[in-house]
C-alpha cells in the first residue's frame, strides 16, 4: 500500500519487514539485481514457492479448475480451458516407460496432446523442461542478459528454490548485473520472498516483476509489501 515505485534499495530500513513476500498469478517471475560503482553492501537472498495444478486440473485465471472428463493417464498442466483436458499426455509431456507421462527434457518441446515424442529445439536454442512449443526455444543469453559480478544467473523451472547475490559472507561486487528467471512448469502462481536484504541505498536495486513469456517482452513490476512507505528506493 502506498508504494510509488518497485525498485528496492537500502538495507536497515527494511529489516523489520523481512521476509518480504510478493505473489504473481502469471506463473513466471523475474528477479533482477543491478549495482553501480559507488560502493557495495552485504547483499540479499530469497526463496520462492509455487502452487501447481494437480492431475485432472488446469490453470485458469490464477486458480486450478477441475477437468470435466476423467483422466486415464498424463499430466494436465498449462492448459487454458476444460476443452484441452487430455486423456493421454498433455503438451510438454511424452509417454515414457511403463505408460507414465514424463516432462519433455530441457532443449525439447511437445506442442500436441498425445503420446508422441518431444521435438528437439533448433540448433543454438534452449528450452526449460516441459516446454510446449518451438516458441519456447530461445537463445539463453537473450533471456538472462549479461551476468556480471558474483551472481550465478539461472532459469529455474522447479516449484521451490532459492536465489542470492553469490557473495556469501562478503559484499557483492560493484557494477553487478544479475537476473534469475523463475518459471515452474504448471505453476498457477509463484511466491517470491526476500529473506535477507542489504544494498547500497539509492544506488543498487533489486527488482521483481512478472512476465507472460520467458522472453519477457511484456512485464509488470510486483509491489513488495512495505506498509506506510511511499517509495522502495
Protein backbone atom coordinates (compact mmCIF):
# COMPACT_ATOMS: atom_id res chain seq x y z
CA UNK A 1 0.00 0.00 0.00
CA UNK A 2 1.17 3.50 -0.85
CA UNK A 3 4.16 2.39 -2.93
CA UNK A 4 5.03 4.52 -5.93
CA UNK A 5 8.00 2.58 -7.32
CA UNK A 6 9.04 -1.06 -7.39
CA UNK A 7 12.80 -0.59 -7.09
CA UNK A 8 14.08 -1.93 -3.80
CA UNK A 9 17.28 -0.43 -2.39
CA UNK A 10 18.86 0.05 1.02
CA UNK A 11 19.02 -2.34 3.95
CA UNK A 12 18.36 -1.25 7.53
CA UNK A 13 15.08 0.36 6.51
CA UNK A 14 13.62 -3.00 5.53
CA UNK A 15 14.99 -5.23 8.31
CA UNK A 16 11.78 -5.03 10.34
CA UNK A 17 9.72 -6.17 7.36
CA UNK A 18 11.66 -9.32 6.40
CA UNK A 19 10.71 -11.67 4.95
CA UNK A 20 9.11 -9.58 2.18
CA UNK A 21 6.82 -11.69 0.00
CA UNK A 22 5.13 -10.93 -3.30
CA UNK A 23 2.84 -13.25 -5.30
CA UNK A 24 2.37 -13.50 -9.09
CA UNK A 25 -0.57 -15.27 -10.72
CA UNK A 26 1.09 -15.37 -14.16
CA UNK A 27 3.44 -18.28 -13.38
CA UNK A 28 6.67 -16.53 -14.48
CA UNK A 29 8.64 -14.19 -12.20
CA UNK A 30 11.96 -12.42 -12.84
CA UNK A 31 14.29 -11.21 -10.06
CA UNK A 32 16.82 -8.65 -11.21
CA UNK A 33 19.74 -7.00 -9.38
CA UNK A 34 21.95 -4.12 -10.51
CA UNK A 35 24.69 -2.19 -8.73
CA UNK A 36 26.83 0.76 -9.76
CA UNK A 37 30.45 1.52 -8.90
CA UNK A 38 29.73 3.76 -5.92
CA UNK A 39 30.05 1.07 -3.25
CA UNK A 40 28.71 -2.26 -2.06
CA UNK A 41 26.80 -3.81 0.84
CA UNK A 42 26.05 -7.19 2.41
CA UNK A 43 23.65 -8.31 -0.31
CA UNK A 44 20.42 -10.26 -0.28
CA UNK A 45 18.85 -13.72 -0.51
CA UNK A 46 15.40 -15.12 -1.07
CA UNK A 47 13.26 -18.13 -1.86
CA UNK A 48 10.27 -19.00 -3.99
CA UNK A 49 7.40 -21.44 -3.78
CA UNK A 50 4.65 -22.13 -6.29
CA UNK A 51 1.18 -23.62 -6.48
CA UNK A 52 0.80 -26.35 -9.11
CA UNK A 53 -2.36 -27.75 -10.57
CA UNK A 54 -2.91 -31.46 -9.87
CA UNK A 55 -3.76 -34.29 -12.24
CA UNK A 56 -7.23 -33.69 -13.61
CA UNK A 57 -6.98 -29.91 -13.26
CA UNK A 58 -5.99 -27.00 -15.47
CA UNK A 59 -4.72 -23.49 -14.65
CA UNK A 60 -7.12 -20.66 -15.40
CA UNK A 61 -7.34 -17.12 -14.05
CA UNK A 62 -4.89 -17.70 -11.22
CA UNK A 63 -6.61 -20.82 -9.88
CA UNK A 64 -6.90 -24.52 -10.67
CA UNK A 65 -10.09 -25.77 -12.32
CA UNK A 66 -11.23 -29.39 -12.45
CA UNK A 67 -11.47 -31.17 -15.80
CA UNK A 68 -14.96 -32.42 -16.51
CA UNK A 69 -13.74 -35.60 -18.21
CA UNK A 70 -11.89 -38.43 -16.48
CA UNK A 71 -8.13 -38.75 -16.90
CA UNK A 72 -6.70 -42.16 -17.72
CA UNK A 73 -3.07 -41.06 -17.56
CA UNK A 74 -0.98 -37.96 -18.01
CA UNK A 75 -0.40 -34.57 -16.51
CA UNK A 76 -2.81 -31.69 -17.00
CA UNK A 77 -0.54 -28.66 -16.78
CA UNK A 78 -0.58 -25.31 -18.56
CA UNK A 79 -3.89 -25.86 -20.36
CA UNK A 80 -6.19 -22.89 -20.62
CA UNK A 81 -9.66 -24.42 -20.74
CA UNK A 82 -11.58 -27.59 -19.90
CA UNK A 83 -11.78 -28.47 -23.61
CA UNK A 84 -8.00 -29.03 -23.52
CA UNK A 85 -8.10 -31.60 -20.73
CA UNK A 86 -6.30 -34.59 -22.27
CA UNK A 87 -6.89 -38.30 -21.96
CA UNK A 88 -3.22 -39.04 -22.66
CA UNK A 89 -0.12 -36.88 -22.27
CA UNK A 90 -0.53 -33.13 -22.28
CA UNK A 91 1.60 -30.76 -24.32
CA UNK A 92 5.07 -30.62 -22.80
CA UNK A 93 4.86 -34.30 -21.78
CA UNK A 94 5.72 -37.51 -23.61
CA UNK A 95 4.72 -41.10 -22.92
CA UNK A 96 7.63 -42.71 -21.09
CA UNK A 97 8.46 -46.13 -19.70
CA UNK A 98 5.60 -48.01 -18.08
CA UNK A 99 2.96 -45.85 -19.72
CA UNK A 100 3.73 -42.85 -17.49
CA UNK A 101 3.76 -39.34 -18.93
CA UNK A 102 7.13 -37.65 -18.45
CA UNK A 103 8.08 -34.00 -18.87
CA UNK A 104 9.94 -33.14 -22.06
CA UNK A 105 13.62 -32.69 -21.28
CA UNK A 106 15.26 -29.27 -21.48
CA UNK A 107 16.18 -28.48 -25.08
CA UNK A 108 12.97 -30.00 -26.44
CA UNK A 109 9.22 -29.35 -26.61
CA UNK A 110 5.89 -31.03 -27.45
CA UNK A 111 3.03 -28.95 -28.81
CA UNK A 112 0.32 -31.59 -29.20
CA UNK A 113 -1.71 -33.71 -26.78
CA UNK A 114 -0.97 -37.44 -27.11
CA UNK A 115 1.75 -39.99 -26.53
CA UNK A 116 4.17 -38.73 -29.18
CA UNK A 117 7.83 -37.87 -28.68
CA UNK A 118 9.23 -34.46 -27.77
CA UNK A 119 10.85 -32.45 -30.58
CA UNK A 120 14.40 -31.12 -30.24
CA UNK A 121 14.81 -27.33 -30.24
CA UNK A 122 16.52 -25.77 -33.26
CA UNK A 123 20.31 -25.66 -33.08
CA UNK A 124 21.62 -22.81 -30.96
CA UNK A 125 18.49 -22.53 -28.83
CA UNK A 126 17.42 -23.99 -25.49
CA UNK A 127 14.22 -24.52 -23.52
CA UNK A 128 13.26 -25.43 -19.97
CA UNK A 129 11.77 -28.81 -19.09
CA UNK A 130 8.14 -29.23 -20.10
CA UNK A 131 8.22 -26.70 -22.94
CA UNK A 132 5.09 -26.70 -25.08
CA UNK A 133 6.08 -25.06 -28.38
CA UNK A 134 9.02 -24.17 -30.60
CA UNK A 135 8.48 -20.63 -29.42
CA UNK A 136 9.77 -21.74 -26.01
CA UNK A 137 13.15 -22.49 -27.62
CA UNK A 138 15.21 -19.34 -27.21
CA UNK A 139 18.83 -18.30 -27.15
CA UNK A 140 19.54 -18.50 -23.42
CA UNK A 141 21.85 -15.46 -23.21
CA UNK A 142 18.98 -13.32 -24.54
CA UNK A 143 16.86 -14.43 -21.59
CA UNK A 144 19.37 -13.72 -18.86
CA UNK A 145 21.24 -10.85 -20.46
CA UNK A 146 24.74 -10.04 -19.21
CA UNK A 147 25.61 -11.82 -15.96
CA UNK A 148 28.21 -9.63 -14.25
CA UNK A 149 29.50 -9.90 -10.70
CA UNK A 150 29.44 -12.78 -8.23
CA UNK A 151 25.91 -13.96 -9.01
CA UNK A 152 25.00 -17.18 -10.85
CA UNK A 153 22.24 -16.22 -13.31
CA UNK A 154 19.81 -19.08 -13.93
CA UNK A 155 16.48 -20.09 -15.43
CA UNK A 156 14.67 -22.20 -12.81
CA UNK A 157 11.71 -24.47 -13.53
CA UNK A 158 11.43 -26.14 -10.11
CA UNK A 159 8.40 -25.48 -7.90
CA UNK A 160 10.56 -24.36 -4.93
CA UNK A 161 14.06 -22.95 -4.69
CA UNK A 162 16.29 -20.10 -3.59
CA UNK A 163 18.45 -17.34 -5.04
CA UNK A 164 21.14 -14.99 -3.68
CA UNK A 165 23.69 -12.50 -4.90
CA UNK A 166 26.57 -15.01 -4.73
CA UNK A 167 28.78 -13.02 -2.35
CA UNK A 168 28.34 -15.28 0.68
CA UNK A 169 29.60 -13.54 3.83
CA UNK A 170 31.32 -10.80 1.77
CA UNK A 171 29.82 -7.81 -0.04
CA UNK A 172 28.54 -8.21 -3.59
CA UNK A 173 30.58 -6.76 -6.47
CA UNK A 174 30.42 -3.25 -7.90
CA UNK A 175 28.68 -2.91 -11.28
CA UNK A 176 26.78 -6.18 -10.89
CA UNK A 177 24.15 -7.18 -13.44
CA UNK A 178 22.20 -10.31 -12.43
CA UNK A 179 18.93 -11.95 -13.41
CA UNK A 180 17.10 -15.06 -12.28
CA UNK A 181 14.03 -16.33 -14.14
CA UNK A 182 11.63 -18.48 -12.10
CA UNK A 183 9.24 -20.40 -14.38
CA UNK A 184 7.93 -23.56 -12.63
CA UNK A 185 6.18 -25.89 -15.07
CA UNK A 186 2.47 -25.98 -14.30
CA UNK A 187 2.55 -23.09 -11.82
CA UNK A 188 -0.70 -21.22 -11.29
CA UNK A 189 1.14 -18.76 -9.02
CA UNK A 190 4.69 -18.06 -7.83
CA UNK A 191 5.51 -16.53 -4.45
CA UNK A 192 8.91 -14.81 -4.07
CA UNK A 193 10.24 -13.91 -0.61
CA UNK A 194 13.32 -11.83 0.24
CA UNK A 195 14.74 -13.39 3.40
CA UNK A 196 17.81 -11.15 3.70
CA UNK A 197 18.43 -7.73 2.20
CA UNK A 198 21.15 -5.07 2.21
CA UNK A 199 22.09 -2.92 -0.80
CA UNK A 200 23.71 0.49 -1.09
CA UNK A 201 20.83 2.90 -0.58
CA UNK A 202 19.82 4.81 -3.70
CA UNK A 203 22.45 3.17 -5.93
CA UNK A 204 21.89 -0.61 -6.10
CA UNK A 205 18.47 -2.12 -6.69
CA UNK A 206 16.56 -5.41 -6.67
CA UNK A 207 13.50 -5.54 -8.93
CA UNK A 208 10.87 -8.29 -9.06
CA UNK A 209 8.45 -8.44 -11.96
CA UNK A 210 6.14 -10.94 -13.67
CA UNK A 211 6.03 -11.86 -17.35
CA UNK A 212 3.78 -13.72 -19.78
CA UNK A 213 6.67 -15.48 -21.57
CA UNK A 214 10.29 -16.39 -20.87
CA UNK A 215 11.43 -13.64 -23.24
CA UNK A 216 9.50 -11.18 -21.03
CA UNK A 217 8.61 -8.73 -23.79
CA UNK A 218 5.74 -7.54 -21.57
CA UNK A 219 6.50 -7.20 -17.87
CA UNK A 220 4.71 -5.86 -14.79
CA UNK A 221 6.55 -4.86 -11.62
CA UNK A 222 5.37 -6.52 -8.42
CA UNK A 223 4.98 -4.33 -5.33
CA UNK A 224 6.62 -5.69 -2.19
CA UNK A 225 4.53 -5.15 0.95
CA UNK A 226 6.14 -2.33 2.94
CA UNK A 227 3.30 -0.72 4.95
CA UNK A 228 3.47 3.03 5.40
CA UNK A 229 6.32 3.63 2.93
CA UNK A 230 5.81 5.84 -0.12
CA UNK A 231 8.83 4.54 -2.04
CA UNK A 232 11.01 1.44 -2.17
CA UNK A 233 14.13 3.34 -3.17
